[in-house]
Protein backbone atom coordinates (compact mmCIF):
# COMPACT_ATOMS: atom_id res chain seq x y z
CA UNK A 1 0.00 0.00 0.00
CA UNK A 2 1.85 3.05 -1.27
CA UNK A 3 0.93 6.65 -0.69
CA UNK A 4 0.74 7.32 -4.41
CA UNK A 5 -2.07 4.82 -4.94
CA UNK A 6 -4.33 6.48 -2.38
CA UNK A 7 -3.62 10.00 -3.61
CA UNK A 8 -4.36 9.13 -7.22
CA UNK A 9 -7.67 7.52 -6.28
CA UNK A 10 -8.81 10.47 -4.18
CA UNK A 11 -7.66 12.99 -6.77
CA UNK A 12 -9.72 11.36 -9.51
CA UNK A 13 -12.83 11.14 -7.36
CA UNK A 14 -12.34 14.74 -6.21
CA UNK A 15 -12.01 15.94 -9.80
CA UNK A 16 -15.10 13.97 -10.81
CA UNK A 17 -17.02 15.39 -7.85
CA UNK A 18 -15.98 18.95 -8.70
CA UNK A 19 -16.88 18.44 -12.36
CA UNK A 20 -20.32 17.18 -11.35
CA UNK A 21 -20.83 20.19 -9.08
CA UNK A 22 -19.82 22.54 -11.90
CA UNK A 23 -22.32 20.87 -14.25
CA UNK A 24 -25.10 21.16 -11.65
CA UNK A 25 -24.24 24.81 -11.06
CA UNK A 26 -24.31 25.49 -14.80
CA UNK A 27 -27.74 23.84 -15.14
CA UNK A 28 -29.05 25.82 -12.18
CA UNK A 29 -27.74 29.12 -13.55
CA UNK A 30 -29.18 28.41 -17.00
CA UNK A 31 -32.56 27.66 -15.44
CA UNK A 32 -32.39 30.92 -13.48
CA UNK A 33 -31.49 32.84 -16.64
CA UNK A 34 -34.40 31.25 -18.52
CA UNK A 35 -36.79 32.16 -15.70
CA UNK A 36 -35.54 35.75 -15.71
CA UNK A 37 -35.98 36.11 -19.48
CA UNK A 38 -39.47 34.59 -19.37
CA UNK A 39 -40.37 36.90 -16.51
CA UNK A 40 -39.21 40.02 -18.34
CA UNK A 41 -40.69 38.90 -21.68
CA UNK A 42 -44.16 38.34 -20.24
CA UNK A 43 -46.07 41.63 -20.13
CA UNK A 44 -47.19 42.64 -16.69
CA UNK A 45 -50.93 42.94 -16.23
CA UNK A 46 -51.99 46.56 -15.80
CA UNK A 47 -53.41 47.34 -12.39
CA UNK A 48 -56.97 48.51 -12.57
CA UNK A 49 -58.03 51.14 -10.09
CA UNK A 50 -60.69 49.96 -7.65
CA UNK A 51 -64.11 51.12 -8.68
CA UNK A 52 -65.83 52.85 -5.89
C-alpha atoms as a PDB file:
ATOM      1  CA  UNK A   1       0.000   0.000   0.000  1.00  0.00           C
ATOM      2  CA  UNK A   2       1.851   3.048  -1.267  1.00  0.00           C
ATOM      3  CA  UNK A   3       0.931   6.650  -0.686  1.00  0.00           C
ATOM      4  CA  UNK A   4       0.741   7.322  -4.407  1.00  0.00           C
ATOM      5  CA  UNK A   5      -2.067   4.819  -4.937  1.00  0.00           C
ATOM      6  CA  UNK A   6      -4.326   6.482  -2.384  1.00  0.00           C
ATOM      7  CA  UNK A   7      -3.622   9.999  -3.609  1.00  0.00           C
ATOM      8  CA  UNK A   8      -4.360   9.128  -7.222  1.00  0.00           C
ATOM      9  CA  UNK A   9      -7.667   7.520  -6.283  1.00  0.00           C
ATOM     10  CA  UNK A  10      -8.805  10.473  -4.182  1.00  0.00           C
ATOM     11  CA  UNK A  11      -7.661  12.994  -6.769  1.00  0.00           C
ATOM     12  CA  UNK A  12      -9.716  11.360  -9.510  1.00  0.00           C
ATOM     13  CA  UNK A  13     -12.829  11.137  -7.358  1.00  0.00           C
ATOM     14  CA  UNK A  14     -12.338  14.741  -6.214  1.00  0.00           C
ATOM     15  CA  UNK A  15     -12.013  15.936  -9.800  1.00  0.00           C
ATOM     16  CA  UNK A  16     -15.102  13.971 -10.813  1.00  0.00           C
ATOM     17  CA  UNK A  17     -17.021  15.389  -7.855  1.00  0.00           C
ATOM     18  CA  UNK A  18     -15.984  18.948  -8.700  1.00  0.00           C
ATOM     19  CA  UNK A  19     -16.881  18.437 -12.356  1.00  0.00           C
ATOM     20  CA  UNK A  20     -20.321  17.182 -11.354  1.00  0.00           C
ATOM     21  CA  UNK A  21     -20.827  20.192  -9.084  1.00  0.00           C
ATOM     22  CA  UNK A  22     -19.821  22.540 -11.896  1.00  0.00           C
ATOM     23  CA  UNK A  23     -22.324  20.872 -14.246  1.00  0.00           C
ATOM     24  CA  UNK A  24     -25.098  21.155 -11.648  1.00  0.00           C
ATOM     25  CA  UNK A  25     -24.237  24.811 -11.063  1.00  0.00           C
ATOM     26  CA  UNK A  26     -24.312  25.489 -14.803  1.00  0.00           C
ATOM     27  CA  UNK A  27     -27.737  23.843 -15.143  1.00  0.00           C
ATOM     28  CA  UNK A  28     -29.049  25.821 -12.178  1.00  0.00           C
ATOM     29  CA  UNK A  29     -27.741  29.120 -13.551  1.00  0.00           C
ATOM     30  CA  UNK A  30     -29.183  28.408 -16.998  1.00  0.00           C
ATOM     31  CA  UNK A  31     -32.559  27.658 -15.438  1.00  0.00           C
ATOM     32  CA  UNK A  32     -32.390  30.922 -13.484  1.00  0.00           C
ATOM     33  CA  UNK A  33     -31.493  32.842 -16.643  1.00  0.00           C
ATOM     34  CA  UNK A  34     -34.401  31.248 -18.519  1.00  0.00           C
ATOM     35  CA  UNK A  35     -36.789  32.156 -15.705  1.00  0.00           C
ATOM     36  CA  UNK A  36     -35.544  35.753 -15.715  1.00  0.00           C
ATOM     37  CA  UNK A  37     -35.983  36.114 -19.482  1.00  0.00           C
ATOM     38  CA  UNK A  38     -39.467  34.591 -19.374  1.00  0.00           C
ATOM     39  CA  UNK A  39     -40.373  36.895 -16.507  1.00  0.00           C
ATOM     40  CA  UNK A  40     -39.209  40.022 -18.337  1.00  0.00           C
ATOM     41  CA  UNK A  41     -40.691  38.897 -21.679  1.00  0.00           C
ATOM     42  CA  UNK A  42     -44.165  38.338 -20.239  1.00  0.00           C
ATOM     43  CA  UNK A  43     -46.068  41.626 -20.126  1.00  0.00           C
ATOM     44  CA  UNK A  44     -47.189  42.638 -16.686  1.00  0.00           C
ATOM     45  CA  UNK A  45     -50.926  42.935 -16.226  1.00  0.00           C
ATOM     46  CA  UNK A  46     -51.990  46.557 -15.798  1.00  0.00           C
ATOM     47  CA  UNK A  47     -53.410  47.341 -12.392  1.00  0.00           C
ATOM     48  CA  UNK A  48     -56.965  48.514 -12.573  1.00  0.00           C
ATOM     49  CA  UNK A  49     -58.026  51.139 -10.090  1.00  0.00           C
ATOM     50  CA  UNK A  50     -60.690  49.956  -7.653  1.00  0.00           C
ATOM     51  CA  UNK A  51     -64.113  51.121  -8.679  1.00  0.00           C
ATOM     52  CA  UNK A  52     -65.830  52.852  -5.891  1.00  0.00           C
END
